[in-house]
Amino acid sequence: MKLSTALLTTLTLATLLLAAPLACGAKDAPPAAAAAAETEPKVPPNPVTDGYEATRAALAADDLARAKQAAAGLAKAAGAEAMREGVKGKELIDTVSTQATRLAAADDIAAARLAFGEASKAFIGWVVAEPSVGEGLHAFMCPMAKGYKKWVEQGTKMANPYMGKSMLECGAATEMTP
């Protein structure tokens, strides 16, 4: 009798301990480490990569005005990066700045996309030369793009800047090589 009472008490306590988090609404709450990881940015903040991403996203959305504005910011950030002491891939980041300036002055989205392609080629070269900025970045390629066919995104969900809304998912992941 003592053994069955002790066993019943142990099982009851175990059930209560296991059910307590559910009763308190903790069922959906992630562990602290997982919650912290979800709130941290996947790509470390960098004015050049952020400017590139803003330009890419605007082109993918067929928004020329926003792409030109983002490209002006990218040109400024890339120019500042090129002046930084000890920067790796200085010529490449200079080219990003030059092509972003060209994009910012584009009269139409086709010209903007061609300039973005040239900026992307240099940007990918810079990411390869300066691997610390490439964390969380993913390269994609569109075989139908005019000019340079690759681009980079901050994430694995593709949104094609060369085709825009008409073929947003045209392309595939590729290696981070210029």
N, C-alpha and C. Protein backbone atom coordinates (compact mmCIF):
# COMPACT_ATOMS: atom_id res chain seq x y z
N MET A 1 0.82 -1.19 0.00
CA MET A 1 0.00 0.00 0.00
C MET A 1 0.87 1.26 0.00
N LYS A 2 1.95 1.25 0.84
CA LYS A 2 2.84 2.40 0.89
C LYS A 2 3.49 2.63 -0.47
N LEU A 3 3.87 1.54 -1.15
CA LEU A 3 4.54 1.65 -2.44
C LEU A 3 3.60 2.24 -3.48
N SER A 4 2.36 1.80 -3.53
CA SER A 4 1.43 2.33 -4.52
C SER A 4 1.07 3.79 -4.23
N THR A 5 0.99 4.18 -2.96
CA THR A 5 0.72 5.58 -2.61
C THR A 5 1.91 6.45 -3.01
N ALA A 6 3.11 5.98 -2.77
CA ALA A 6 4.32 6.72 -3.13
C ALA A 6 4.42 6.85 -4.65
N LEU A 7 4.11 5.78 -5.36
CA LEU A 7 4.15 5.80 -6.82
C LEU A 7 3.10 6.76 -7.38
N LEU A 8 1.90 6.72 -6.82
CA LEU A 8 0.83 7.62 -7.25
C LEU A 8 1.20 9.08 -6.98
N THR A 9 1.80 9.35 -5.84
CA THR A 9 2.22 10.71 -5.49
C THR A 9 3.30 11.19 -6.46
N THR A 10 4.26 10.35 -6.76
CA THR A 10 5.35 10.69 -7.69
C THR A 10 4.80 10.98 -9.08
N LEU A 11 3.89 10.14 -9.56
CA LEU A 11 3.31 10.34 -10.88
C LEU A 11 2.48 11.64 -10.94
N THR A 12 1.76 11.92 -9.87
CA THR A 12 0.95 13.14 -9.81
C THR A 12 1.85 14.37 -9.85
N LEU A 13 2.92 14.35 -9.06
CA LEU A 13 3.86 15.49 -9.05
C LEU A 13 4.52 15.67 -10.42
N ALA A 14 4.92 14.58 -11.03
CA ALA A 14 5.56 14.65 -12.34
C ALA A 14 4.60 15.24 -13.37
N THR A 15 3.35 14.81 -13.33
CA THR A 15 2.35 15.34 -14.26
C THR A 15 2.15 16.83 -14.05
N LEU A 16 2.06 17.25 -12.80
CA LEU A 16 1.88 18.67 -12.50
C LEU A 16 3.08 19.50 -12.97
N LEU A 17 4.27 18.98 -12.74
CA LEU A 17 5.47 19.70 -13.16
C LEU A 17 5.55 19.84 -14.69
N LEU A 18 5.15 18.79 -15.38
CA LEU A 18 5.18 18.84 -16.84
C LEU A 18 4.06 19.73 -17.40
N ALA A 19 2.94 19.76 -16.75
CA ALA A 19 1.79 20.53 -17.23
C ALA A 19 1.86 22.00 -16.83
N ALA A 20 2.62 22.35 -15.82
CA ALA A 20 2.66 23.73 -15.32
C ALA A 20 3.02 24.75 -16.39
N PRO A 21 4.06 24.52 -17.19
CA PRO A 21 4.38 25.52 -18.22
C PRO A 21 3.23 25.71 -19.21
N LEU A 22 2.51 24.65 -19.53
CA LEU A 22 1.40 24.76 -20.47
C LEU A 22 0.26 25.58 -19.87
N ALA A 23 0.01 25.37 -18.60
CA ALA A 23 -1.07 26.10 -17.93
C ALA A 23 -0.74 27.58 -17.80
N CYS A 24 0.53 27.93 -17.77
CA CYS A 24 0.94 29.33 -17.62
C CYS A 24 1.09 30.04 -18.96
N GLY A 25 0.72 29.37 -20.02
CA GLY A 25 0.82 30.00 -21.34
C GLY A 25 2.20 29.94 -21.94
N ALA A 26 3.08 29.15 -21.39
CA ALA A 26 4.45 29.08 -21.89
C ALA A 26 4.59 28.12 -23.06
N LYS A 27 3.50 27.52 -23.47
CA LYS A 27 3.54 26.54 -24.55
C LYS A 27 4.19 27.12 -25.81
N ASP A 28 3.82 28.36 -26.14
CA ASP A 28 4.34 28.96 -27.36
C ASP A 28 5.60 29.78 -27.15
N ALA A 29 6.01 29.98 -25.93
CA ALA A 29 7.19 30.80 -25.66
C ALA A 29 8.45 30.01 -25.96
N PRO A 30 9.33 30.53 -26.83
CA PRO A 30 10.57 29.83 -27.11
C PRO A 30 11.53 29.95 -25.95
N PRO A 31 12.49 29.03 -25.86
CA PRO A 31 13.51 29.16 -24.82
C PRO A 31 14.24 30.48 -25.00
N ALA A 32 14.86 30.96 -23.94
CA ALA A 32 15.52 32.27 -23.95
C ALA A 32 16.55 32.38 -25.07
N ALA A 33 17.35 31.34 -25.27
CA ALA A 33 18.38 31.40 -26.31
C ALA A 33 17.75 31.51 -27.69
N ALA A 34 16.67 30.77 -27.93
CA ALA A 34 16.01 30.82 -29.23
C ALA A 34 15.36 32.18 -29.43
N ALA A 35 14.77 32.74 -28.39
CA ALA A 35 14.14 34.05 -28.50
C ALA A 35 15.18 35.12 -28.82
N ALA A 36 16.34 35.03 -28.20
CA ALA A 36 17.41 36.00 -28.47
C ALA A 36 17.89 35.87 -29.91
N ALA A 37 18.02 34.63 -30.40
CA ALA A 37 18.48 34.41 -31.76
C ALA A 37 17.47 34.96 -32.78
N GLU A 38 16.18 34.89 -32.46
CA GLU A 38 15.16 35.39 -33.37
C GLU A 38 15.17 36.91 -33.48
N THR A 39 15.59 37.59 -32.43
CA THR A 39 15.58 39.04 -32.45
C THR A 39 16.88 39.62 -32.99
N GLU A 40 17.94 38.84 -33.07
CA GLU A 40 19.21 39.32 -33.60
C GLU A 40 19.14 39.38 -35.12
N PRO A 41 19.77 40.38 -35.73
CA PRO A 41 19.77 40.44 -37.19
C PRO A 41 20.58 39.28 -37.75
N LYS A 42 20.11 38.73 -38.88
CA LYS A 42 20.81 37.61 -39.50
C LYS A 42 22.06 38.09 -40.23
N VAL A 43 22.04 39.33 -40.69
CA VAL A 43 23.17 39.92 -41.38
C VAL A 43 23.67 41.08 -40.53
N PRO A 44 24.96 41.06 -40.16
CA PRO A 44 25.47 42.17 -39.36
C PRO A 44 25.25 43.50 -40.09
N PRO A 45 24.86 44.54 -39.38
CA PRO A 45 24.62 45.82 -40.03
C PRO A 45 25.89 46.36 -40.71
N ASN A 46 25.74 46.82 -41.92
CA ASN A 46 26.83 47.40 -42.69
C ASN A 46 26.20 48.35 -43.70
N PRO A 47 26.60 49.60 -43.74
CA PRO A 47 25.97 50.55 -44.65
C PRO A 47 26.02 50.14 -46.12
N VAL A 48 27.10 49.45 -46.52
CA VAL A 48 27.21 49.04 -47.92
C VAL A 48 26.24 47.90 -48.22
N THR A 49 26.26 46.85 -47.39
CA THR A 49 25.36 45.73 -47.65
C THR A 49 23.90 46.15 -47.48
N ASP A 50 23.63 47.04 -46.53
CA ASP A 50 22.26 47.52 -46.34
C ASP A 50 21.80 48.35 -47.55
N GLY A 51 22.69 49.19 -48.07
CA GLY A 51 22.36 49.99 -49.25
C GLY A 51 22.15 49.13 -50.48
N TYR A 52 22.99 48.11 -50.61
CA TYR A 52 22.85 47.18 -51.74
C TYR A 52 21.50 46.47 -51.65
N GLU A 53 21.17 45.97 -50.45
CA GLU A 53 19.90 45.25 -50.26
C GLU A 53 18.70 46.15 -50.53
N ALA A 54 18.75 47.39 -50.08
CA ALA A 54 17.64 48.33 -50.33
C ALA A 54 17.47 48.58 -51.83
N THR A 55 18.58 48.69 -52.53
CA THR A 55 18.53 48.91 -53.98
C THR A 55 17.96 47.68 -54.67
N ARG A 56 18.43 46.50 -54.28
CA ARG A 56 17.95 45.25 -54.86
C ARG A 56 16.45 45.08 -54.64
N ALA A 57 16.00 45.33 -53.42
CA ALA A 57 14.58 45.15 -53.09
C ALA A 57 13.71 46.12 -53.89
N ALA A 58 14.18 47.35 -54.08
CA ALA A 58 13.41 48.33 -54.86
C ALA A 58 13.31 47.90 -56.32
N LEU A 59 14.39 47.40 -56.89
CA LEU A 59 14.34 46.92 -58.27
C LEU A 59 13.43 45.70 -58.40
N ALA A 60 13.47 44.81 -57.43
CA ALA A 60 12.60 43.64 -57.44
C ALA A 60 11.13 44.06 -57.40
N ALA A 61 10.86 45.18 -56.75
CA ALA A 61 9.49 45.71 -56.64
C ALA A 61 9.14 46.64 -57.82
N ASP A 62 10.02 46.76 -58.79
CA ASP A 62 9.82 47.65 -59.95
C ASP A 62 9.65 49.11 -59.54
N ASP A 63 10.29 49.51 -58.46
CA ASP A 63 10.15 50.88 -57.95
C ASP A 63 11.42 51.67 -58.28
N LEU A 64 11.42 52.31 -59.44
CA LEU A 64 12.60 53.04 -59.91
C LEU A 64 12.97 54.20 -58.98
N ALA A 65 11.99 54.95 -58.53
CA ALA A 65 12.29 56.09 -57.65
C ALA A 65 12.97 55.64 -56.37
N ARG A 66 12.46 54.58 -55.76
CA ARG A 66 13.06 54.07 -54.53
C ARG A 66 14.43 53.46 -54.81
N ALA A 67 14.58 52.79 -55.97
CA ALA A 67 15.88 52.21 -56.34
C ALA A 67 16.93 53.30 -56.51
N LYS A 68 16.55 54.40 -57.14
CA LYS A 68 17.49 55.50 -57.35
C LYS A 68 17.90 56.12 -56.01
N GLN A 69 16.94 56.27 -55.12
CA GLN A 69 17.24 56.83 -53.80
C GLN A 69 18.16 55.89 -53.02
N ALA A 70 17.85 54.60 -53.04
CA ALA A 70 18.69 53.62 -52.33
C ALA A 70 20.08 53.55 -52.94
N ALA A 71 20.16 53.64 -54.27
CA ALA A 71 21.45 53.59 -54.95
C ALA A 71 22.31 54.80 -54.59
N ALA A 72 21.70 55.95 -54.41
CA ALA A 72 22.46 57.13 -53.98
C ALA A 72 23.07 56.88 -52.60
N GLY A 73 22.32 56.26 -51.71
CA GLY A 73 22.85 55.90 -50.39
C GLY A 73 23.95 54.86 -50.49
N LEU A 74 23.75 53.88 -51.39
CA LEU A 74 24.77 52.85 -51.60
C LEU A 74 26.05 53.48 -52.14
N ALA A 75 25.94 54.39 -53.08
CA ALA A 75 27.12 55.06 -53.65
C ALA A 75 27.91 55.77 -52.56
N LYS A 76 27.19 56.46 -51.69
CA LYS A 76 27.84 57.19 -50.59
C LYS A 76 28.52 56.22 -49.62
N ALA A 77 27.82 55.16 -49.24
CA ALA A 77 28.38 54.18 -48.29
C ALA A 77 29.58 53.46 -48.89
N ALA A 78 29.47 53.07 -50.16
CA ALA A 78 30.59 52.38 -50.81
C ALA A 78 31.78 53.31 -50.98
N GLY A 79 31.53 54.57 -51.29
CA GLY A 79 32.62 55.55 -51.39
C GLY A 79 33.34 55.72 -50.07
N ALA A 80 32.58 55.77 -48.98
CA ALA A 80 33.19 55.89 -47.65
C ALA A 80 33.99 54.63 -47.31
N GLU A 81 33.45 53.47 -47.68
CA GLU A 81 34.16 52.21 -47.42
C GLU A 81 35.47 52.16 -48.20
N ALA A 82 35.47 52.65 -49.42
CA ALA A 82 36.68 52.65 -50.25
C ALA A 82 37.77 53.52 -49.64
N MET A 83 37.39 54.53 -48.88
CA MET A 83 38.35 55.43 -48.24
C MET A 83 38.87 54.89 -46.91
N ARG A 84 38.22 53.85 -46.41
CA ARG A 84 38.61 53.31 -45.10
C ARG A 84 40.02 52.73 -45.16
N GLU A 85 40.79 52.98 -44.13
CA GLU A 85 42.16 52.46 -44.03
C GLU A 85 42.15 50.93 -44.02
N GLY A 86 42.95 50.32 -44.87
CA GLY A 86 43.10 48.87 -44.88
C GLY A 86 41.95 48.10 -45.51
N VAL A 87 41.08 48.77 -46.24
CA VAL A 87 39.96 48.08 -46.87
C VAL A 87 40.47 47.09 -47.91
N LYS A 88 39.88 45.91 -47.91
CA LYS A 88 40.24 44.90 -48.92
C LYS A 88 39.31 45.09 -50.12
N GLY A 89 39.83 44.87 -51.31
CA GLY A 89 39.02 45.00 -52.51
C GLY A 89 38.63 46.44 -52.80
N LYS A 90 39.56 47.37 -52.58
CA LYS A 90 39.28 48.80 -52.77
C LYS A 90 38.75 49.11 -54.17
N GLU A 91 39.35 48.53 -55.20
CA GLU A 91 38.90 48.80 -56.57
C GLU A 91 37.47 48.31 -56.78
N LEU A 92 37.16 47.19 -56.16
CA LEU A 92 35.81 46.62 -56.30
C LEU A 92 34.77 47.50 -55.63
N ILE A 93 35.05 47.95 -54.43
CA ILE A 93 34.08 48.78 -53.72
C ILE A 93 33.97 50.16 -54.39
N ASP A 94 35.07 50.62 -55.01
CA ASP A 94 35.01 51.85 -55.82
C ASP A 94 34.04 51.66 -57.00
N THR A 95 34.11 50.48 -57.62
CA THR A 95 33.22 50.18 -58.74
C THR A 95 31.77 50.11 -58.28
N VAL A 96 31.53 49.55 -57.10
CA VAL A 96 30.16 49.53 -56.55
C VAL A 96 29.66 50.97 -56.45
N SER A 97 30.48 51.85 -55.92
CA SER A 97 30.09 53.25 -55.77
C SER A 97 29.80 53.90 -57.12
N THR A 98 30.67 53.68 -58.09
CA THR A 98 30.50 54.25 -59.43
C THR A 98 29.22 53.76 -60.09
N GLN A 99 28.98 52.45 -60.02
CA GLN A 99 27.79 51.88 -60.66
C GLN A 99 26.51 52.28 -59.92
N ALA A 100 26.60 52.42 -58.61
CA ALA A 100 25.43 52.87 -57.85
C ALA A 100 25.10 54.32 -58.22
N THR A 101 26.12 55.13 -58.45
CA THR A 101 25.90 56.51 -58.90
C THR A 101 25.24 56.51 -60.28
N ARG A 102 25.70 55.63 -61.14
CA ARG A 102 25.09 55.48 -62.48
C ARG A 102 23.63 55.07 -62.36
N LEU A 103 23.35 54.12 -61.46
CA LEU A 103 21.97 53.67 -61.25
C LEU A 103 21.11 54.82 -60.74
N ALA A 104 21.64 55.59 -59.81
CA ALA A 104 20.88 56.71 -59.23
C ALA A 104 20.51 57.76 -60.29
N ALA A 105 21.27 57.80 -61.38
CA ALA A 105 21.00 58.77 -62.45
C ALA A 105 20.24 58.15 -63.62
N ALA A 106 19.87 56.89 -63.51
CA ALA A 106 19.21 56.19 -64.63
C ALA A 106 17.86 56.82 -64.97
N ASP A 107 17.57 56.85 -66.27
CA ASP A 107 16.30 57.41 -66.75
C ASP A 107 15.17 56.39 -66.75
N ASP A 108 15.54 55.11 -66.80
CA ASP A 108 14.51 54.08 -66.83
C ASP A 108 14.98 52.85 -66.06
N ILE A 109 14.05 51.96 -65.79
CA ILE A 109 14.36 50.80 -64.95
C ILE A 109 15.31 49.83 -65.66
N ALA A 110 15.25 49.76 -66.99
CA ALA A 110 16.17 48.87 -67.72
C ALA A 110 17.62 49.33 -67.52
N ALA A 111 17.86 50.62 -67.64
CA ALA A 111 19.21 51.17 -67.42
C ALA A 111 19.63 50.98 -65.97
N ALA A 112 18.69 51.15 -65.05
CA ALA A 112 18.99 50.96 -63.63
C ALA A 112 19.40 49.51 -63.36
N ARG A 113 18.70 48.59 -63.99
CA ARG A 113 19.02 47.16 -63.78
C ARG A 113 20.38 46.80 -64.37
N LEU A 114 20.74 47.37 -65.50
CA LEU A 114 22.07 47.12 -66.07
C LEU A 114 23.16 47.65 -65.14
N ALA A 115 22.97 48.85 -64.60
CA ALA A 115 23.93 49.42 -63.65
C ALA A 115 23.99 48.57 -62.39
N PHE A 116 22.84 48.08 -61.94
CA PHE A 116 22.82 47.22 -60.76
C PHE A 116 23.61 45.94 -61.01
N GLY A 117 23.52 45.40 -62.22
CA GLY A 117 24.29 44.21 -62.57
C GLY A 117 25.78 44.44 -62.43
N GLU A 118 26.25 45.57 -62.94
CA GLU A 118 27.67 45.90 -62.82
C GLU A 118 28.06 46.14 -61.36
N ALA A 119 27.18 46.78 -60.61
CA ALA A 119 27.43 46.97 -59.18
C ALA A 119 27.46 45.63 -58.47
N SER A 120 26.59 44.71 -58.87
CA SER A 120 26.53 43.38 -58.25
C SER A 120 27.81 42.59 -58.49
N LYS A 121 28.32 42.68 -59.70
CA LYS A 121 29.57 41.97 -60.02
C LYS A 121 30.69 42.44 -59.10
N ALA A 122 30.83 43.74 -58.95
CA ALA A 122 31.86 44.30 -58.07
C ALA A 122 31.54 44.00 -56.60
N PHE A 123 30.26 44.07 -56.23
CA PHE A 123 29.85 43.80 -54.85
C PHE A 123 30.21 42.37 -54.46
N ILE A 124 29.92 41.42 -55.33
CA ILE A 124 30.25 40.01 -55.05
C ILE A 124 31.75 39.85 -54.92
N GLY A 125 32.52 40.49 -55.80
CA GLY A 125 33.98 40.45 -55.69
C GLY A 125 34.46 41.00 -54.36
N TRP A 126 33.85 42.09 -53.92
CA TRP A 126 34.21 42.70 -52.64
C TRP A 126 33.87 41.77 -51.48
N VAL A 127 32.70 41.13 -51.53
CA VAL A 127 32.30 40.20 -50.47
C VAL A 127 33.29 39.03 -50.40
N VAL A 128 33.76 38.56 -51.54
CA VAL A 128 34.75 37.48 -51.57
C VAL A 128 36.08 37.98 -50.99
N ALA A 129 36.48 39.21 -51.32
CA ALA A 129 37.74 39.78 -50.82
C ALA A 129 37.67 40.13 -49.34
N GLU A 130 36.48 40.47 -48.86
CA GLU A 130 36.26 40.92 -47.48
C GLU A 130 35.18 40.03 -46.85
N PRO A 131 35.54 38.75 -46.56
CA PRO A 131 34.53 37.77 -46.12
C PRO A 131 33.73 38.17 -44.88
N SER A 132 34.27 39.04 -44.06
CA SER A 132 33.55 39.44 -42.84
C SER A 132 32.22 40.13 -43.16
N VAL A 133 32.09 40.71 -44.34
CA VAL A 133 30.83 41.38 -44.69
C VAL A 133 29.83 40.43 -45.35
N GLY A 134 30.26 39.22 -45.65
CA GLY A 134 29.40 38.29 -46.37
C GLY A 134 28.53 37.40 -45.51
N GLU A 135 28.65 37.51 -44.20
CA GLU A 135 27.86 36.67 -43.31
C GLU A 135 26.36 36.90 -43.53
N GLY A 136 25.64 35.82 -43.80
CA GLY A 136 24.19 35.91 -44.00
C GLY A 136 23.77 36.31 -45.40
N LEU A 137 24.73 36.54 -46.29
CA LEU A 137 24.40 36.91 -47.67
C LEU A 137 24.37 35.66 -48.55
N HIS A 138 23.48 35.67 -49.53
CA HIS A 138 23.31 34.53 -50.44
C HIS A 138 23.30 35.04 -51.87
N ALA A 139 24.01 34.34 -52.75
CA ALA A 139 24.08 34.72 -54.16
C ALA A 139 23.04 33.95 -54.97
N PHE A 140 22.48 34.64 -55.97
CA PHE A 140 21.50 34.06 -56.87
C PHE A 140 21.89 34.43 -58.30
N MET A 141 21.33 33.68 -59.26
CA MET A 141 21.61 33.96 -60.67
C MET A 141 20.34 33.77 -61.48
N CYS A 142 20.13 34.67 -62.43
CA CYS A 142 18.99 34.57 -63.35
C CYS A 142 19.55 34.42 -64.77
N PRO A 143 19.30 33.28 -65.42
CA PRO A 143 19.84 33.08 -66.76
C PRO A 143 19.22 34.01 -67.81
N MET A 144 18.08 34.61 -67.49
CA MET A 144 17.38 35.47 -68.45
C MET A 144 17.75 36.94 -68.32
N ALA A 145 18.52 37.29 -67.31
CA ALA A 145 18.87 38.70 -67.09
C ALA A 145 19.76 39.22 -68.22
N LYS A 146 19.56 40.48 -68.56
CA LYS A 146 20.46 41.13 -69.52
C LYS A 146 21.66 41.64 -68.74
N GLY A 147 22.85 41.53 -69.31
CA GLY A 147 24.06 41.96 -68.60
C GLY A 147 24.47 40.92 -67.57
N TYR A 148 25.05 41.40 -66.48
CA TYR A 148 25.50 40.50 -65.41
C TYR A 148 24.29 39.82 -64.79
N LYS A 149 24.38 38.54 -64.52
CA LYS A 149 23.22 37.75 -64.15
C LYS A 149 23.09 37.42 -62.66
N LYS A 150 24.09 37.77 -61.86
CA LYS A 150 24.06 37.41 -60.44
C LYS A 150 23.66 38.61 -59.58
N TRP A 151 23.18 38.29 -58.38
CA TRP A 151 22.92 39.30 -57.36
C TRP A 151 23.00 38.63 -56.00
N VAL A 152 22.95 39.44 -54.96
CA VAL A 152 23.09 38.95 -53.58
C VAL A 152 21.87 39.40 -52.78
N GLU A 153 21.44 38.54 -51.85
CA GLU A 153 20.32 38.89 -50.97
C GLU A 153 20.67 38.56 -49.53
N GLN A 154 20.03 39.28 -48.62
CA GLN A 154 20.17 39.03 -47.19
C GLN A 154 19.10 38.03 -46.78
N GLY A 155 19.28 36.80 -47.17
CA GLY A 155 18.32 35.75 -46.86
C GLY A 155 18.26 34.77 -48.00
N THR A 156 17.51 33.72 -47.80
CA THR A 156 17.45 32.65 -48.80
C THR A 156 16.22 32.73 -49.69
N LYS A 157 15.30 33.64 -49.41
CA LYS A 157 14.11 33.81 -50.25
C LYS A 157 14.46 34.75 -51.39
N MET A 158 14.36 34.24 -52.60
CA MET A 158 14.79 34.99 -53.77
C MET A 158 13.72 35.97 -54.25
N ALA A 159 14.15 37.17 -54.61
CA ALA A 159 13.31 38.18 -55.26
C ALA A 159 14.17 38.86 -56.32
N ASN A 160 14.00 38.47 -57.55
CA ASN A 160 14.86 38.84 -58.67
C ASN A 160 14.78 40.34 -59.01
N PRO A 161 15.90 41.06 -58.84
CA PRO A 161 15.91 42.49 -59.15
C PRO A 161 16.00 42.78 -60.65
N TYR A 162 16.41 41.79 -61.45
CA TYR A 162 16.56 42.01 -62.88
C TYR A 162 15.24 41.84 -63.64
N MET A 163 14.34 41.03 -63.11
CA MET A 163 13.06 40.79 -63.77
C MET A 163 11.90 41.47 -63.04
N GLY A 164 12.11 41.82 -61.80
CA GLY A 164 11.06 42.49 -61.04
C GLY A 164 9.83 41.62 -60.85
N LYS A 165 8.70 42.28 -60.69
CA LYS A 165 7.45 41.58 -60.38
C LYS A 165 7.03 40.58 -61.46
N SER A 166 7.43 40.82 -62.70
CA SER A 166 7.00 39.93 -63.79
C SER A 166 7.58 38.53 -63.66
N MET A 167 8.77 38.41 -63.08
CA MET A 167 9.40 37.10 -62.90
C MET A 167 10.22 37.12 -61.61
N LEU A 168 9.57 37.44 -60.53
CA LEU A 168 10.23 37.64 -59.25
C LEU A 168 11.04 36.44 -58.79
N GLU A 169 10.58 35.24 -59.12
CA GLU A 169 11.25 34.02 -58.64
C GLU A 169 12.06 33.33 -59.73
N CYS A 170 12.39 34.05 -60.80
CA CYS A 170 13.21 33.48 -61.86
C CYS A 170 14.66 33.47 -61.38
N GLY A 171 15.27 32.30 -61.37
CA GLY A 171 16.66 32.18 -60.97
C GLY A 171 16.86 31.07 -59.97
N ALA A 172 18.07 30.97 -59.47
CA ALA A 172 18.42 29.93 -58.51
C ALA A 172 19.62 30.38 -57.69
N ALA A 173 19.78 29.75 -56.55
CA ALA A 173 20.96 30.01 -55.72
C ALA A 173 22.21 29.61 -56.49
N THR A 174 23.29 30.32 -56.24
CA THR A 174 24.55 30.03 -56.92
C THR A 174 25.70 30.33 -55.98
N GLU A 175 26.91 30.08 -56.44
CA GLU A 175 28.09 30.34 -55.62
C GLU A 175 28.38 31.83 -55.54
N MET A 176 28.98 32.22 -54.44
CA MET A 176 29.37 33.63 -54.24
C MET A 176 30.71 33.84 -54.93
N THR A 177 30.68 33.86 -56.25
CA THR A 177 31.87 34.15 -57.05
C THR A 177 31.47 35.16 -58.12
N PRO A 178 32.35 36.12 -58.42
CA PRO A 178 32.00 37.13 -59.43
C PRO A 178 31.83 36.55 -60.83
